[in-house]
Amino acid sequence: MPALVRRHVTITSPTGVNADLKAPCLVAGMAAGADSIDDMDVLRHGAMGTLFYGIRAPSTLGSFLRAFTWGNVRQLEKVSRVFLAALGGAAPLLPGAGVLAFIDIFSDRPDC
């Protein structure tokens, strides 16, 4: 993901530097259950520093997000599309999806 952010995201504000480190921090925080800037402090607990290089403070991440323009949001959407496609290619999301299956959704109803 950092390489995709470096390639596709250009933030002109001074708080937009190191976008390739800050964007993955935000994704990791959301995956860990953070739903606000204050909750991004979850990244400083446990082994998160070992898993993710360049953990940033919640206030730094907040300043980073405030630097976004509509164009930057669209750039990040492209990063997410490319990243998800690569992830889907590396780890099949629906193993066995080609197998035919029948599901009886009325099996507990006596009138059917």
C-alpha atoms as a PDB file:
ATOM      1  CA  MET A   1       0.000   0.000   0.000  1.00  0.00           C
ATOM      2  CA  PRO A   2       2.748   2.553   0.751  1.00  0.00           C
ATOM      3  CA  ALA A   3       4.110   2.221  -2.797  1.00  0.00           C
ATOM      4  CA  LEU A   4       0.633   2.792  -4.257  1.00  0.00           C
ATOM      5  CA  VAL A   5       0.142   5.888  -2.096  1.00  0.00           C
ATOM      6  CA  ARG A   6       3.559   7.232  -3.176  1.00  0.00           C
ATOM      7  CA  ARG A   7       2.646   6.659  -6.817  1.00  0.00           C
ATOM      8  CA  HIS A   8      -0.927   8.004  -6.855  1.00  0.00           C
ATOM      9  CA  VAL A   9      -1.426  10.517  -4.010  1.00  0.00           C
ATOM     10  CA  THR A  10      -0.062  14.067  -4.119  1.00  0.00           C
ATOM     11  CA  ILE A  11      -0.893  16.321  -1.160  1.00  0.00           C
ATOM     12  CA  THR A  12       0.501  19.834  -1.464  1.00  0.00           C
ATOM     13  CA  SER A  13      -0.021  20.894   2.171  1.00  0.00           C
ATOM     14  CA  PRO A  14       2.969  20.684   4.548  1.00  0.00           C
ATOM     15  CA  THR A  15       0.968  18.288   6.740  1.00  0.00           C
ATOM     16  CA  GLY A  16       0.597  15.972   3.755  1.00  0.00           C
ATOM     17  CA  VAL A  17       4.213  14.786   3.794  1.00  0.00           C
ATOM     18  CA  ASN A  18       4.870  11.074   4.310  1.00  0.00           C
ATOM     19  CA  ALA A  19       1.440  10.143   3.020  1.00  0.00           C
ATOM     20  CA  ASP A  20       2.827   6.669   2.305  1.00  0.00           C
ATOM     21  CA  LEU A  21       3.313   6.187   6.075  1.00  0.00           C
ATOM     22  CA  LYS A  22       0.227   7.987   7.339  1.00  0.00           C
ATOM     23  CA  ALA A  23      -2.413   6.400   5.070  1.00  0.00           C
ATOM     24  CA  PRO A  24      -1.544   2.816   6.135  1.00  0.00           C
ATOM     25  CA  CYS A  25      -1.636   3.992   9.775  1.00  0.00           C
ATOM     26  CA  LEU A  26      -5.208   5.140   9.256  1.00  0.00           C
ATOM     27  CA  VAL A  27      -6.176   1.843   7.636  1.00  0.00           C
ATOM     28  CA  ALA A  28      -4.519  -0.132  10.452  1.00  0.00           C
ATOM     29  CA  GLY A  29      -6.296   1.965  13.074  1.00  0.00           C
ATOM     30  CA  MET A  30      -9.678   1.409  11.434  1.00  0.00           C
ATOM     31  CA  ALA A  31      -8.968  -2.322  11.182  1.00  0.00           C
ATOM     32  CA  ALA A  32      -8.182  -2.282  14.913  1.00  0.00           C
ATOM     33  CA  GLY A  33     -11.549  -0.651  15.665  1.00  0.00           C
ATOM     34  CA  ALA A  34     -10.733   3.067  15.676  1.00  0.00           C
ATOM     35  CA  ASP A  35     -13.606   5.222  14.489  1.00  0.00           C
ATOM     36  CA  SER A  36     -12.253   8.664  15.406  1.00  0.00           C
ATOM     37  CA  ILE A  37      -8.919  10.456  15.478  1.00  0.00           C
ATOM     38  CA  ASP A  38      -8.667   9.958  19.245  1.00  0.00           C
ATOM     39  CA  ASP A  39      -9.153   6.210  18.767  1.00  0.00           C
ATOM     40  CA  MET A  40      -6.071   6.099  16.515  1.00  0.00           C
ATOM     41  CA  ASP A  41      -4.096   5.891  19.751  1.00  0.00           C
ATOM     42  CA  VAL A  42      -4.806   2.141  19.532  1.00  0.00           C
ATOM     43  CA  LEU A  43      -1.816   2.000  17.189  1.00  0.00           C
ATOM     44  CA  ARG A  44       0.516   2.710  20.092  1.00  0.00           C
ATOM     45  CA  HIS A  45      -0.519  -0.378  22.051  1.00  0.00           C
ATOM     46  CA  GLY A  46       0.726  -3.931  21.961  1.00  0.00           C
ATOM     47  CA  ALA A  47       2.842  -5.034  19.026  1.00  0.00           C
ATOM     48  CA  MET A  48       1.355  -2.567  16.529  1.00  0.00           C
ATOM     49  CA  GLY A  49       4.703  -0.752  16.277  1.00  0.00           C
ATOM     50  CA  THR A  50       6.282  -4.039  15.208  1.00  0.00           C
ATOM     51  CA  LEU A  51       3.603  -4.748  12.621  1.00  0.00           C
ATOM     52  CA  PHE A  52       3.439  -1.268  11.126  1.00  0.00           C
ATOM     53  CA  TYR A  53       6.467   0.900  10.455  1.00  0.00           C
ATOM     54  CA  GLY A  54       6.161   4.609  11.147  1.00  0.00           C
ATOM     55  CA  ILE A  55       3.254   4.775  13.583  1.00  0.00           C
ATOM     56  CA  ARG A  56       2.109   8.395  13.863  1.00  0.00           C
ATOM     57  CA  ALA A  57       0.392  10.239  16.706  1.00  0.00           C
ATOM     58  CA  PRO A  58      -3.382  10.743  16.436  1.00  0.00           C
ATOM     59  CA  SER A  59      -2.952  14.525  16.215  1.00  0.00           C
ATOM     60  CA  THR A  60      -0.541  14.094  13.293  1.00  0.00           C
ATOM     61  CA  LEU A  61      -3.033  11.837  11.513  1.00  0.00           C
ATOM     62  CA  GLY A  62      -5.793  14.391  12.118  1.00  0.00           C
ATOM     63  CA  SER A  63      -3.713  17.171  10.581  1.00  0.00           C
ATOM     64  CA  PHE A  64      -2.959  14.882   7.661  1.00  0.00           C
ATOM     65  CA  LEU A  65      -6.657  14.242   7.027  1.00  0.00           C
ATOM     66  CA  ARG A  66      -7.506  17.945   7.230  1.00  0.00           C
ATOM     67  CA  ALA A  67      -5.012  18.583   4.416  1.00  0.00           C
ATOM     68  CA  PHE A  68      -7.078  16.482   1.990  1.00  0.00           C
ATOM     69  CA  THR A  69      -8.867  17.998  -0.946  1.00  0.00           C
ATOM     70  CA  TRP A  70     -11.566  16.328  -3.005  1.00  0.00           C
ATOM     71  CA  GLY A  71      -8.907  15.371  -5.531  1.00  0.00           C
ATOM     72  CA  ASN A  72      -6.833  13.672  -2.818  1.00  0.00           C
ATOM     73  CA  VAL A  73      -9.852  11.637  -1.778  1.00  0.00           C
ATOM     74  CA  ARG A  74     -10.274  10.476  -5.372  1.00  0.00           C
ATOM     75  CA  GLN A  75      -6.571   9.586  -5.486  1.00  0.00           C
ATOM     76  CA  LEU A  76      -6.972   7.448  -2.366  1.00  0.00           C
ATOM     77  CA  GLU A  77     -10.012   5.771  -3.906  1.00  0.00           C
ATOM     78  CA  LYS A  78      -7.787   4.687  -6.775  1.00  0.00           C
ATOM     79  CA  VAL A  79      -5.226   3.345  -4.299  1.00  0.00           C
ATOM     80  CA  SER A  80      -7.941   1.340  -2.540  1.00  0.00           C
ATOM     81  CA  ARG A  81      -9.231  -0.112  -5.839  1.00  0.00           C
ATOM     82  CA  VAL A  82      -5.773  -1.183  -6.993  1.00  0.00           C
ATOM     83  CA  PHE A  83      -4.861  -2.531  -3.541  1.00  0.00           C
ATOM     84  CA  LEU A  84      -8.090  -4.528  -3.231  1.00  0.00           C
ATOM     85  CA  ALA A  85      -7.632  -6.027  -6.693  1.00  0.00           C
ATOM     86  CA  ALA A  86      -4.076  -7.072  -5.799  1.00  0.00           C
ATOM     87  CA  LEU A  87      -5.273  -8.489  -2.480  1.00  0.00           C
ATOM     88  CA  GLY A  88      -8.001 -10.466  -4.232  1.00  0.00           C
ATOM     89  CA  GLY A  89      -5.434 -11.918  -6.598  1.00  0.00           C
ATOM     90  CA  ALA A  90      -3.114 -12.901  -3.753  1.00  0.00           C
ATOM     91  CA  ALA A  91      -5.782 -14.388  -1.480  1.00  0.00           C
ATOM     92  CA  PRO A  92      -8.934 -15.800  -3.087  1.00  0.00           C
ATOM     93  CA  LEU A  93     -11.909 -14.283  -1.300  1.00  0.00           C
ATOM     94  CA  LEU A  94     -14.410 -17.011  -2.151  1.00  0.00           C
ATOM     95  CA  PRO A  95     -12.663 -20.371  -2.349  1.00  0.00           C
ATOM     96  CA  GLY A  96     -15.030 -22.913  -3.873  1.00  0.00           C
ATOM     97  CA  ALA A  97     -17.241 -20.222  -5.429  1.00  0.00           C
ATOM     98  CA  GLY A  98     -17.410 -22.259  -8.630  1.00  0.00           C
ATOM     99  CA  VAL A  99     -19.060 -25.208  -6.852  1.00  0.00           C
ATOM    100  CA  LEU A 100     -22.824 -25.505  -7.266  1.00  0.00           C
ATOM    101  CA  ALA A 101     -24.732 -25.539  -3.973  1.00  0.00           C
ATOM    102  CA  PHE A 102     -28.428 -25.810  -3.117  1.00  0.00           C
ATOM    103  CA  ILE A 103     -29.757 -24.095  -0.010  1.00  0.00           C
ATOM    104  CA  ASP A 104     -33.188 -24.981   1.362  1.00  0.00           C
ATOM    105  CA  ILE A 105     -34.350 -21.777   3.015  1.00  0.00           C
ATOM    106  CA  PHE A 106     -37.818 -23.142   3.877  1.00  0.00           C
ATOM    107  CA  SER A 107     -36.778 -26.303   5.700  1.00  0.00           C
ATOM    108  CA  ASP A 108     -38.150 -25.135   9.077  1.00  0.00           C
ATOM    109  CA  ARG A 109     -41.591 -24.147   7.773  1.00  0.00           C
ATOM    110  CA  PRO A 110     -44.209 -26.919   8.059  1.00  0.00           C
ATOM    111  CA  ASP A 111     -46.421 -25.504   5.282  1.00  0.00           C
ATOM    112  CA  CYS A 112     -43.766 -25.787   2.548  1.00  0.00           C
END
